[in-house]
Protein backbone atom coordinates (compact mmCIF):
# COMPACT_ATOMS: atom_id res chain seq x y z
CA MET A 1 12.94 -11.73 -99.48
CA ALA A 2 14.05 -8.49 -97.84
CA GLU A 3 10.40 -7.56 -97.21
CA GLN A 4 9.75 -10.90 -95.52
CA ARG A 5 12.77 -10.51 -93.24
CA GLN A 6 11.62 -7.01 -92.28
CA LYS A 7 8.19 -8.30 -91.24
CA ILE A 8 9.74 -11.07 -89.18
CA VAL A 9 11.94 -8.56 -87.36
CA TRP A 10 9.06 -6.14 -86.64
CA ALA A 11 6.57 -8.75 -85.37
CA PRO A 12 8.05 -9.16 -81.86
CA VAL A 13 8.50 -5.39 -81.65
CA VAL A 14 4.78 -4.86 -82.27
CA ILE A 15 3.86 -7.50 -79.66
CA SER A 16 6.22 -5.95 -77.11
CA ALA A 17 4.80 -2.47 -77.77
CA LEU A 18 1.22 -3.66 -77.27
CA LEU A 19 2.05 -5.46 -74.01
CA THR A 20 4.00 -2.40 -72.79
CA ALA A 21 1.03 -0.14 -73.55
CA LEU A 22 -1.35 -2.39 -71.60
CA LEU A 23 1.06 -2.59 -68.66
CA SER A 24 1.52 1.20 -68.66
CA LEU A 25 -2.26 1.67 -68.64
CA ALA A 26 -2.66 -0.67 -65.66
CA VAL A 27 0.15 1.05 -63.74
CA GLY A 28 -1.31 4.49 -64.53
CA ILE A 29 -4.73 3.48 -63.22
CA GLY A 30 -3.14 2.09 -60.05
CA ILE A 31 -1.10 5.26 -59.44
CA PHE A 32 -4.13 7.49 -60.04
CA HIS A 33 -6.24 5.44 -57.62
CA TYR A 34 -3.54 5.64 -54.94
CA THR A 35 -2.73 9.35 -55.31
CA SER A 36 -6.37 10.45 -55.56
CA LYS A 37 -7.22 9.29 -52.04
CA ALA A 38 -8.53 12.07 -49.78
CA PRO A 39 -10.80 12.47 -46.73
CA GLU A 40 -14.30 13.81 -47.28
CA LEU A 41 -16.18 15.06 -44.24
CA THR A 42 -19.94 15.20 -44.56
CA TYR A 43 -22.82 15.74 -42.14
CA THR A 44 -26.56 15.12 -42.09
CA THR A 45 -29.15 17.01 -40.03
CA PHE A 46 -32.42 15.21 -39.34
CA PRO A 47 -35.90 16.66 -38.76
CA VAL A 48 -36.37 18.31 -35.39
CA SER A 49 -38.58 16.70 -32.74
CA GLY A 50 -40.30 18.98 -30.25
CA PHE A 51 -42.71 18.52 -27.36
CA ARG A 52 -44.05 20.43 -24.38
CA ALA A 53 -43.10 19.88 -20.76
CA PRO A 54 -44.29 21.71 -17.64
CA ASN A 55 -43.22 25.36 -17.89
CA LYS A 56 -40.87 24.77 -20.84
CA SER A 57 -40.55 23.41 -24.34
CA LEU A 58 -38.10 20.67 -25.25
CA THR A 59 -36.49 20.05 -28.63
CA ILE A 60 -34.38 17.13 -29.84
CA TYR A 61 -31.77 17.71 -32.55
CA ASN A 62 -30.12 14.80 -34.37
CA VAL A 63 -26.94 15.10 -36.46
CA GLN A 64 -24.60 12.58 -38.03
CA ILE A 65 -21.06 13.24 -39.24
CA GLU A 66 -19.10 10.86 -41.44
CA ASN A 67 -15.84 10.46 -43.30
CA SER A 68 -17.23 9.67 -46.76
CA GLY A 69 -13.80 9.78 -48.42
CA ASN A 70 -11.26 7.03 -49.06
CA LYS A 71 -8.55 8.31 -46.70
CA GLU A 72 -8.49 8.85 -42.93
CA ALA A 73 -9.48 12.30 -41.64
CA GLU A 74 -7.26 13.76 -38.91
CA ASP A 75 -7.91 16.38 -36.22
CA VAL A 76 -11.64 16.50 -36.86
CA GLN A 77 -13.59 19.19 -34.99
CA VAL A 78 -17.33 19.73 -34.97
CA SER A 79 -19.35 22.44 -33.27
CA PHE A 80 -23.05 23.30 -33.38
CA THR A 81 -25.05 26.50 -33.51
CA PHE A 82 -28.52 26.09 -32.08
CA PRO A 83 -31.55 28.30 -32.68
CA SER A 84 -31.91 31.43 -30.57
CA GLY A 85 -32.80 30.81 -26.95
CA ALA A 86 -31.77 27.14 -26.96
CA ASN A 87 -30.08 25.78 -23.87
CA VAL A 88 -28.68 22.27 -24.34
CA ALA A 89 -29.46 20.27 -21.22
CA ASP A 90 -28.20 16.86 -22.30
CA TYR A 91 -26.65 15.03 -25.22
CA ASN A 92 -25.91 11.53 -26.50
CA LEU A 93 -23.04 10.54 -28.78
CA GLU A 94 -22.91 7.23 -30.71
CA PRO A 95 -19.71 6.46 -32.66
CA SER A 96 -20.04 3.83 -35.41
CA ALA A 97 -17.05 1.96 -33.92
CA LYS A 98 -15.91 1.52 -30.34
CA THR A 99 -12.35 2.37 -31.38
CA ILE A 100 -13.30 5.95 -32.28
CA MET A 101 -11.85 8.32 -29.70
CA TYR A 102 -13.22 11.79 -28.97
CA SER A 103 -13.12 14.59 -26.44
CA ILE A 104 -15.34 17.56 -25.52
CA SER A 105 -14.00 21.05 -24.97
CA ASP A 106 -16.46 21.96 -22.17
CA THR A 107 -19.02 19.59 -20.69
CA ASN A 108 -20.47 22.41 -18.57
CA ASP A 109 -21.50 24.43 -21.62
CA LEU A 110 -22.91 21.93 -24.10
CA THR A 111 -24.53 24.70 -26.14
CA ASN A 112 -21.11 25.98 -27.23
CA ALA A 113 -19.08 22.78 -26.85
CA VAL A 114 -16.60 21.62 -29.49
CA PHE A 115 -16.21 17.89 -30.12
CA ASN A 116 -12.77 16.67 -31.19
CA PHE A 117 -11.92 13.44 -33.02
CA PRO A 118 -8.20 12.69 -33.49
CA LEU A 119 -8.97 10.29 -36.33
CA LEU A 120 -11.91 9.18 -38.45
CA ASN A 121 -11.24 6.34 -40.87
CA PRO A 122 -13.14 6.05 -44.17
CA THR A 123 -16.85 5.16 -43.64
CA GLU A 124 -16.61 5.85 -39.90
CA SER A 125 -19.32 8.09 -38.50
CA CYS A 126 -20.78 9.48 -35.31
CA LYS A 127 -24.36 10.34 -34.34
CA PHE A 128 -25.25 13.24 -32.03
CA SER A 129 -28.50 13.79 -30.19
CA PHE A 130 -29.09 17.00 -28.23
CA LEU A 131 -31.92 17.82 -25.84
CA ALA A 132 -32.47 21.58 -25.75
CA GLU A 133 -34.81 23.73 -23.70
CA ASN A 134 -36.79 26.75 -24.89
CA ALA A 135 -35.41 26.75 -28.41
CA LYS A 136 -37.11 28.74 -31.15
CA ASN A 137 -38.05 27.22 -34.48
CA GLY A 138 -35.24 26.07 -36.72
CA ASN A 139 -32.65 23.37 -36.99
CA VAL A 140 -29.09 23.16 -35.76
CA GLU A 141 -26.20 24.44 -37.89
CA VAL A 142 -23.03 22.37 -38.14
CA ASP A 143 -19.41 23.50 -38.44
CA LEU A 144 -17.32 20.45 -39.37
CA ARG A 145 -13.67 20.54 -40.35
CA GLY A 146 -10.50 18.49 -40.22
CA LYS A 147 -6.91 18.52 -41.43
CA GLY A 148 -7.15 19.46 -45.10
CA ALA A 149 -10.92 18.98 -45.23
CA ILE A 150 -14.00 21.16 -44.74
CA GLY A 151 -17.26 19.47 -43.85
CA GLU A 152 -20.19 19.71 -46.25
CA ILE A 153 -23.81 18.69 -45.96
CA ARG A 154 -24.28 15.18 -47.22
CA LYS A 155 -26.04 14.95 -50.55
CA ILE A 156 -27.60 11.89 -52.09
CA LYS A 157 -25.54 11.18 -55.18
CA SER A 158 -27.72 10.31 -58.13
CA GLU A 159 -26.67 9.80 -61.72
CA SER A 160 -28.62 11.06 -64.69
CA PRO A 161 -29.49 8.60 -67.49
CA VAL A 162 -26.97 10.38 -69.72
CA SER A 163 -24.21 9.95 -67.13
CA ILE A 164 -25.05 6.27 -66.62
CA GLY A 165 -25.11 5.68 -70.38
CA PHE A 166 -21.76 7.43 -70.83
CA ARG A 167 -20.18 5.39 -68.02
CA TYR A 168 -21.35 2.05 -69.42
CA THR A 169 -20.39 3.08 -72.96
CA SER A 170 -16.90 3.99 -71.77
CA VAL A 171 -16.53 0.62 -70.06
CA ALA A 172 -17.75 -1.18 -73.19
CA ILE A 173 -15.33 0.73 -75.45
CA ALA A 174 -12.41 0.08 -73.08
CA THR A 175 -13.29 -3.63 -72.99
CA MET A 176 -13.46 -3.79 -76.78
CA ILE A 177 -10.09 -2.08 -77.09
CA VAL A 178 -8.48 -4.57 -74.69
CA ILE A 179 -10.04 -7.57 -76.47
CA THR A 180 -9.07 -6.23 -79.91
CA THR A 181 -5.51 -5.63 -78.73
CA MET A 182 -5.23 -9.15 -77.35
CA ILE A 183 -6.65 -10.72 -80.53
CA SER A 184 -4.33 -8.62 -82.69
CA SER A 185 -1.37 -9.69 -80.58
CA VAL A 186 -2.32 -13.36 -81.03
CA PHE A 187 -2.63 -13.02 -84.81
CA VAL A 188 0.66 -11.13 -85.08
CA PHE A 189 2.38 -13.76 -82.96
CA LYS A 190 0.90 -16.62 -85.03
CA GLU A 191 1.97 -14.91 -88.26
CA TYR A 192 5.44 -14.41 -86.87
CA MET A 193 5.72 -18.05 -85.82
CA SER A 194 4.33 -19.23 -89.16
CA LYS A 195 6.86 -17.21 -91.12
CA ALA A 196 9.68 -18.18 -88.82
CA THR A 197 8.74 -21.88 -89.17
CA SER A 198 8.41 -21.52 -92.94
CA LYS A 199 11.81 -19.90 -93.14
CA ALA A 200 13.38 -22.62 -90.97
CA THR A 201 11.76 -25.33 -93.10
CA SER A 202 12.95 -23.68 -96.30
CA GLU A 203 16.48 -23.39 -94.95
CA ALA A 204 16.39 -27.04 -93.82
CA LYS A 205 15.24 -28.16 -97.27
CA SER A 206 17.98 -26.13 -98.92
CA GLU A 207 20.54 -27.69 -96.62
CA VAL A 208 19.27 -31.22 -97.40
CA THR A 209 19.33 -30.45 -101.12
CA ARG A 210 22.89 -29.15 -100.84
CA ILE A 211 24.01 -32.28 -98.97
CA LEU A 212 22.36 -34.58 -101.54
CA GLU A 213 23.99 -32.71 -104.40
CA SER A 214 27.32 -32.95 -102.63
CA ILE A 215 26.88 -36.73 -102.23
CA ARG A 216 25.99 -37.07 -105.90
CA GLU A 217 29.06 -35.12 -106.94
CA GLN A 218 31.29 -37.33 -104.79
CA SER A 219 29.75 -40.54 -106.21
CA LYS A 220 30.50 -39.57 -109.82
């Protein structure tokens, strides 16, 4: 009897602990996702296009910068180093959104100009095209930086089969754990209710028996 009472007392405790663990896991994931946000500045340089003009050679350089992170990038600055002998005669700038604001340090010296962006939101980007005269072979070099972020060349992210398999296996295991926990909680709750109902029924029967015996005693 004492063992049965102990099980009945511990059943809701087990259910509460399981629900608390699941809630803590969900809150932890949410906090990690929120606190792990950061800007990520990346740039891409495209193949150079060159052609001849009367008495000079012309080269077109194309570059794209982007905030590939999940948080806004502030005070973004980008400058370019062109191959030896290059003289930038003209440029074109195409922001991905009309709301992107920018300024240029010196429009009279485009070869050494610095482009400033007060803010780049996640996924926002900007394309640059430069027309240079008499440039030697080579591509443009990019210096990209912002508040708390240093620009890096954009790389195509590819996952190996092992990494993909590990990711899907982890998801499958996590799903199985959640399902098993939920099923276990249901069974524990049903067992608790069954024992509680059985106890209540037993106590009710005992009470009825006691009343009937009392009536019999009074009728004698």
